[in-house]
Amino acid sequence: MLIVMVSVHVKPESIEAFKTATIANASESVKEAGIARFDVIQQNDSPAHFLLIEVYKDADAPAKHKETAHYQTWRDTVEEMMAEPRTSLKYANVFPDENGWG
């Protein structure tokens, strides 16, 4: 498993549009065979800050995800909404075991 946490700061005026585009992407992403979870969370005290928590079943799944039309649409749609380039960190799963992710 591979867990990727993507941090995104959006322009304040783009919060709602970003949420709409990102939920559309996440809704399609969870249908991919290689994705166990795709969570979108928004920071309470800084609503322009979002985390995308992407849980992939194997190391090849992120590249396959980036080939999908819904990811490419999301990437192109939100590019101008970002206040700064998004960043990501990769993690290994510790708990729950792989069966606990769905």
N, C-alpha and C. Protein backbone atom coordinates (compact mmCIF):
# COMPACT_ATOMS: atom_id res chain seq x y z
N MET A 1 0.83 -1.19 0.00
CA MET A 1 0.00 0.00 0.00
C MET A 1 0.88 1.25 0.00
N LEU A 2 0.33 2.28 -0.56
CA LEU A 2 0.99 3.57 -0.59
C LEU A 2 -0.05 4.62 -0.24
N ILE A 3 0.29 5.47 0.72
CA ILE A 3 -0.62 6.55 1.13
C ILE A 3 0.04 7.86 0.77
N VAL A 4 -0.68 8.68 0.02
CA VAL A 4 -0.16 9.98 -0.40
C VAL A 4 -1.05 11.05 0.21
N MET A 5 -0.42 11.98 0.90
CA MET A 5 -1.14 13.11 1.48
C MET A 5 -0.75 14.34 0.66
N VAL A 6 -1.74 14.90 -0.02
CA VAL A 6 -1.52 16.06 -0.88
C VAL A 6 -2.07 17.29 -0.17
N SER A 7 -1.22 18.26 0.04
CA SER A 7 -1.62 19.51 0.69
C SER A 7 -1.86 20.56 -0.39
N VAL A 8 -3.03 21.19 -0.30
CA VAL A 8 -3.40 22.19 -1.30
C VAL A 8 -3.91 23.45 -0.59
N HIS A 9 -3.30 24.58 -0.93
CA HIS A 9 -3.81 25.88 -0.48
C HIS A 9 -4.44 26.56 -1.69
N VAL A 10 -5.71 26.88 -1.56
CA VAL A 10 -6.40 27.51 -2.68
C VAL A 10 -6.65 28.99 -2.39
N LYS A 11 -6.90 29.72 -3.42
CA LYS A 11 -7.26 31.12 -3.27
C LYS A 11 -8.61 31.19 -2.56
N PRO A 12 -8.77 32.10 -1.63
CA PRO A 12 -10.04 32.18 -0.87
C PRO A 12 -11.28 32.25 -1.75
N GLU A 13 -11.20 32.94 -2.84
CA GLU A 13 -12.36 33.08 -3.72
C GLU A 13 -12.65 31.80 -4.52
N SER A 14 -11.75 30.83 -4.44
CA SER A 14 -11.90 29.59 -5.21
C SER A 14 -12.28 28.39 -4.35
N ILE A 15 -12.53 28.60 -3.07
CA ILE A 15 -12.78 27.48 -2.16
C ILE A 15 -13.93 26.60 -2.65
N GLU A 16 -15.07 27.18 -2.93
CA GLU A 16 -16.24 26.38 -3.31
C GLU A 16 -16.03 25.68 -4.65
N ALA A 17 -15.45 26.37 -5.61
CA ALA A 17 -15.19 25.76 -6.92
C ALA A 17 -14.17 24.63 -6.78
N PHE A 18 -13.16 24.82 -5.94
CA PHE A 18 -12.18 23.77 -5.69
C PHE A 18 -12.85 22.55 -5.07
N LYS A 19 -13.69 22.78 -4.09
CA LYS A 19 -14.40 21.66 -3.44
C LYS A 19 -15.23 20.88 -4.46
N THR A 20 -15.96 21.58 -5.29
CA THR A 20 -16.79 20.93 -6.29
C THR A 20 -15.95 20.08 -7.24
N ALA A 21 -14.88 20.64 -7.77
CA ALA A 21 -14.02 19.91 -8.70
C ALA A 21 -13.33 18.73 -8.02
N THR A 22 -12.92 18.91 -6.79
CA THR A 22 -12.18 17.87 -6.08
C THR A 22 -13.09 16.73 -5.66
N ILE A 23 -14.30 17.05 -5.25
CA ILE A 23 -15.26 15.99 -4.92
C ILE A 23 -15.61 15.18 -6.17
N ALA A 24 -15.74 15.84 -7.30
CA ALA A 24 -16.01 15.12 -8.56
C ALA A 24 -14.87 14.16 -8.87
N ASN A 25 -13.63 14.62 -8.71
CA ASN A 25 -12.47 13.77 -8.96
C ASN A 25 -12.42 12.61 -7.97
N ALA A 26 -12.61 12.90 -6.70
CA ALA A 26 -12.56 11.86 -5.67
C ALA A 26 -13.65 10.82 -5.88
N SER A 27 -14.84 11.26 -6.27
CA SER A 27 -15.96 10.35 -6.49
C SER A 27 -15.66 9.34 -7.59
N GLU A 28 -14.96 9.77 -8.61
CA GLU A 28 -14.56 8.86 -9.68
C GLU A 28 -13.33 8.05 -9.29
N SER A 29 -12.43 8.66 -8.53
CA SER A 29 -11.19 7.99 -8.15
C SER A 29 -11.45 6.74 -7.31
N VAL A 30 -12.41 6.79 -6.42
CA VAL A 30 -12.68 5.63 -5.55
C VAL A 30 -13.24 4.45 -6.35
N LYS A 31 -13.61 4.66 -7.59
CA LYS A 31 -14.08 3.58 -8.45
C LYS A 31 -12.92 2.84 -9.12
N GLU A 32 -11.72 3.41 -9.05
CA GLU A 32 -10.55 2.78 -9.67
C GLU A 32 -10.14 1.54 -8.87
N ALA A 33 -9.76 0.50 -9.58
CA ALA A 33 -9.38 -0.76 -8.93
C ALA A 33 -8.19 -0.59 -7.98
N GLY A 34 -7.29 0.32 -8.26
CA GLY A 34 -6.08 0.47 -7.46
C GLY A 34 -6.19 1.42 -6.29
N ILE A 35 -7.37 2.00 -6.08
CA ILE A 35 -7.53 2.97 -5.00
C ILE A 35 -8.42 2.39 -3.90
N ALA A 36 -7.89 2.38 -2.67
CA ALA A 36 -8.66 1.90 -1.52
C ALA A 36 -9.48 3.01 -0.89
N ARG A 37 -8.94 4.23 -0.89
CA ARG A 37 -9.64 5.40 -0.33
C ARG A 37 -9.15 6.65 -1.04
N PHE A 38 -10.01 7.66 -1.03
CA PHE A 38 -9.63 8.97 -1.55
C PHE A 38 -10.44 9.98 -0.76
N ASP A 39 -9.84 10.51 0.29
CA ASP A 39 -10.53 11.43 1.19
C ASP A 39 -10.15 12.88 0.87
N VAL A 40 -11.13 13.76 1.00
CA VAL A 40 -10.92 15.19 0.83
C VAL A 40 -11.30 15.83 2.15
N ILE A 41 -10.34 16.50 2.78
CA ILE A 41 -10.63 17.16 4.05
C ILE A 41 -10.20 18.62 3.99
N GLN A 42 -10.91 19.44 4.76
CA GLN A 42 -10.71 20.89 4.76
C GLN A 42 -10.36 21.31 6.18
N GLN A 43 -9.35 22.15 6.32
CA GLN A 43 -8.89 22.60 7.63
C GLN A 43 -9.90 23.55 8.26
N ASN A 44 -10.28 23.29 9.51
CA ASN A 44 -11.29 24.12 10.20
C ASN A 44 -10.88 25.57 10.35
N ASP A 45 -9.67 25.81 10.81
CA ASP A 45 -9.26 27.19 11.11
C ASP A 45 -8.59 27.89 9.92
N SER A 46 -8.51 27.21 8.80
CA SER A 46 -7.94 27.79 7.58
C SER A 46 -8.64 27.12 6.39
N PRO A 47 -9.87 27.54 6.09
CA PRO A 47 -10.69 26.83 5.12
C PRO A 47 -10.15 26.80 3.69
N ALA A 48 -9.11 27.55 3.40
CA ALA A 48 -8.50 27.49 2.07
C ALA A 48 -7.43 26.40 1.99
N HIS A 49 -7.23 25.67 3.09
CA HIS A 49 -6.25 24.59 3.12
C HIS A 49 -6.97 23.24 3.11
N PHE A 50 -6.60 22.40 2.16
CA PHE A 50 -7.20 21.08 2.00
C PHE A 50 -6.11 20.02 2.03
N LEU A 51 -6.49 18.83 2.47
CA LEU A 51 -5.65 17.64 2.35
C LEU A 51 -6.42 16.61 1.54
N LEU A 52 -5.74 16.03 0.59
CA LEU A 52 -6.28 14.89 -0.14
C LEU A 52 -5.51 13.69 0.37
N ILE A 53 -6.22 12.72 0.89
CA ILE A 53 -5.59 11.52 1.43
C ILE A 53 -5.92 10.38 0.48
N GLU A 54 -4.91 9.98 -0.27
CA GLU A 54 -5.08 9.00 -1.33
C GLU A 54 -4.43 7.69 -0.88
N VAL A 55 -5.20 6.63 -0.80
CA VAL A 55 -4.67 5.34 -0.37
C VAL A 55 -4.71 4.40 -1.57
N TYR A 56 -3.52 4.05 -2.03
CA TYR A 56 -3.36 3.19 -3.20
C TYR A 56 -3.03 1.77 -2.78
N LYS A 57 -3.57 0.81 -3.52
CA LYS A 57 -3.36 -0.60 -3.19
C LYS A 57 -1.99 -1.11 -3.59
N ASP A 58 -1.35 -0.46 -4.56
CA ASP A 58 0.00 -0.87 -4.97
C ASP A 58 0.75 0.32 -5.56
N ALA A 59 2.02 0.13 -5.79
CA ALA A 59 2.88 1.23 -6.23
C ALA A 59 2.57 1.73 -7.64
N ASP A 60 1.91 0.90 -8.45
CA ASP A 60 1.59 1.29 -9.82
C ASP A 60 0.31 2.13 -9.92
N ALA A 61 -0.52 2.06 -8.89
CA ALA A 61 -1.83 2.71 -8.94
C ALA A 61 -1.78 4.23 -9.11
N PRO A 62 -0.82 4.96 -8.47
CA PRO A 62 -0.81 6.41 -8.67
C PRO A 62 -0.60 6.81 -10.14
N ALA A 63 0.29 6.12 -10.83
CA ALA A 63 0.53 6.44 -12.25
C ALA A 63 -0.72 6.15 -13.08
N LYS A 64 -1.40 5.06 -12.79
CA LYS A 64 -2.64 4.74 -13.51
C LYS A 64 -3.71 5.79 -13.22
N HIS A 65 -3.76 6.24 -11.98
CA HIS A 65 -4.72 7.29 -11.60
C HIS A 65 -4.48 8.56 -12.42
N LYS A 66 -3.23 8.92 -12.60
CA LYS A 66 -2.91 10.15 -13.33
C LYS A 66 -3.20 10.06 -14.82
N GLU A 67 -3.47 8.85 -15.31
CA GLU A 67 -3.84 8.67 -16.72
C GLU A 67 -5.34 8.81 -16.95
N THR A 68 -6.13 8.87 -15.88
CA THR A 68 -7.58 8.92 -16.04
C THR A 68 -8.07 10.30 -16.48
N ALA A 69 -9.17 10.29 -17.17
CA ALA A 69 -9.76 11.56 -17.62
C ALA A 69 -10.20 12.42 -16.44
N HIS A 70 -10.75 11.78 -15.39
CA HIS A 70 -11.22 12.60 -14.26
C HIS A 70 -10.06 13.27 -13.54
N TYR A 71 -8.92 12.61 -13.40
CA TYR A 71 -7.76 13.26 -12.78
C TYR A 71 -7.27 14.41 -13.65
N GLN A 72 -7.14 14.18 -14.94
CA GLN A 72 -6.63 15.22 -15.84
C GLN A 72 -7.57 16.42 -15.88
N THR A 73 -8.87 16.17 -15.85
CA THR A 73 -9.83 17.27 -15.79
C THR A 73 -9.66 18.05 -14.49
N TRP A 74 -9.54 17.32 -13.36
CA TRP A 74 -9.33 17.99 -12.06
C TRP A 74 -8.06 18.83 -12.09
N ARG A 75 -6.96 18.23 -12.51
CA ARG A 75 -5.66 18.93 -12.54
C ARG A 75 -5.76 20.23 -13.32
N ASP A 76 -6.35 20.17 -14.50
CA ASP A 76 -6.45 21.36 -15.35
C ASP A 76 -7.43 22.38 -14.78
N THR A 77 -8.51 21.91 -14.17
CA THR A 77 -9.54 22.79 -13.63
C THR A 77 -9.03 23.57 -12.42
N VAL A 78 -8.31 22.90 -11.52
CA VAL A 78 -7.92 23.55 -10.26
C VAL A 78 -6.59 24.29 -10.33
N GLU A 79 -5.88 24.15 -11.41
CA GLU A 79 -4.55 24.76 -11.50
C GLU A 79 -4.55 26.25 -11.15
N GLU A 80 -5.48 27.00 -11.69
CA GLU A 80 -5.53 28.44 -11.44
C GLU A 80 -6.17 28.78 -10.09
N MET A 81 -6.77 27.80 -9.43
CA MET A 81 -7.40 28.03 -8.13
C MET A 81 -6.40 27.99 -6.98
N MET A 82 -5.24 27.42 -7.23
CA MET A 82 -4.26 27.23 -6.16
C MET A 82 -3.50 28.52 -5.85
N ALA A 83 -3.34 28.77 -4.57
CA ALA A 83 -2.59 29.94 -4.12
C ALA A 83 -1.09 29.70 -4.23
N GLU A 84 -0.70 28.43 -4.25
CA GLU A 84 0.70 28.02 -4.37
C GLU A 84 0.70 26.59 -4.88
N PRO A 85 1.81 26.10 -5.40
CA PRO A 85 1.83 24.72 -5.89
C PRO A 85 1.51 23.72 -4.77
N ARG A 86 0.75 22.69 -5.12
CA ARG A 86 0.43 21.66 -4.13
C ARG A 86 1.68 20.85 -3.80
N THR A 87 1.68 20.27 -2.63
CA THR A 87 2.79 19.43 -2.21
C THR A 87 2.25 18.07 -1.79
N SER A 88 3.11 17.07 -1.79
CA SER A 88 2.65 15.75 -1.36
C SER A 88 3.75 15.04 -0.60
N LEU A 89 3.31 14.19 0.31
CA LEU A 89 4.19 13.32 1.08
C LEU A 89 3.67 11.91 0.95
N LYS A 90 4.58 10.96 0.87
CA LYS A 90 4.21 9.56 0.73
C LYS A 90 4.47 8.82 2.04
N TYR A 91 3.54 7.94 2.38
CA TYR A 91 3.61 7.19 3.63
C TYR A 91 3.39 5.70 3.38
N ALA A 92 3.91 4.90 4.29
CA ALA A 92 3.65 3.46 4.31
C ALA A 92 2.59 3.19 5.36
N ASN A 93 1.74 2.24 5.10
CA ASN A 93 0.69 1.88 6.04
C ASN A 93 1.25 1.13 7.24
N VAL A 94 0.76 1.45 8.43
CA VAL A 94 1.13 0.75 9.65
C VAL A 94 -0.11 0.06 10.25
N PHE A 95 -1.18 0.80 10.46
CA PHE A 95 -2.41 0.27 11.04
C PHE A 95 -3.58 1.10 10.55
N PRO A 96 -4.70 0.52 10.20
CA PRO A 96 -5.00 -0.91 10.20
C PRO A 96 -4.29 -1.63 9.05
N ASP A 97 -4.32 -2.97 9.09
CA ASP A 97 -3.66 -3.68 8.00
C ASP A 97 -4.43 -3.43 6.70
N GLU A 98 -3.93 -3.93 5.61
CA GLU A 98 -4.50 -3.63 4.30
C GLU A 98 -5.98 -3.99 4.18
N ASN A 99 -6.42 -5.01 4.90
CA ASN A 99 -7.83 -5.39 4.86
C ASN A 99 -8.72 -4.36 5.52
N GLY A 100 -8.17 -3.55 6.40
CA GLY A 100 -8.94 -2.53 7.10
C GLY A 100 -9.23 -1.29 6.27
N TRP A 101 -8.65 -1.19 5.08
CA TRP A 101 -8.85 -0.02 4.22
C TRP A 101 -10.00 -0.18 3.26
N GLY A 102 -10.65 -1.30 3.26
CA GLY A 102 -11.82 -1.46 2.39
C GLY A 102 -11.65 -2.35 1.26
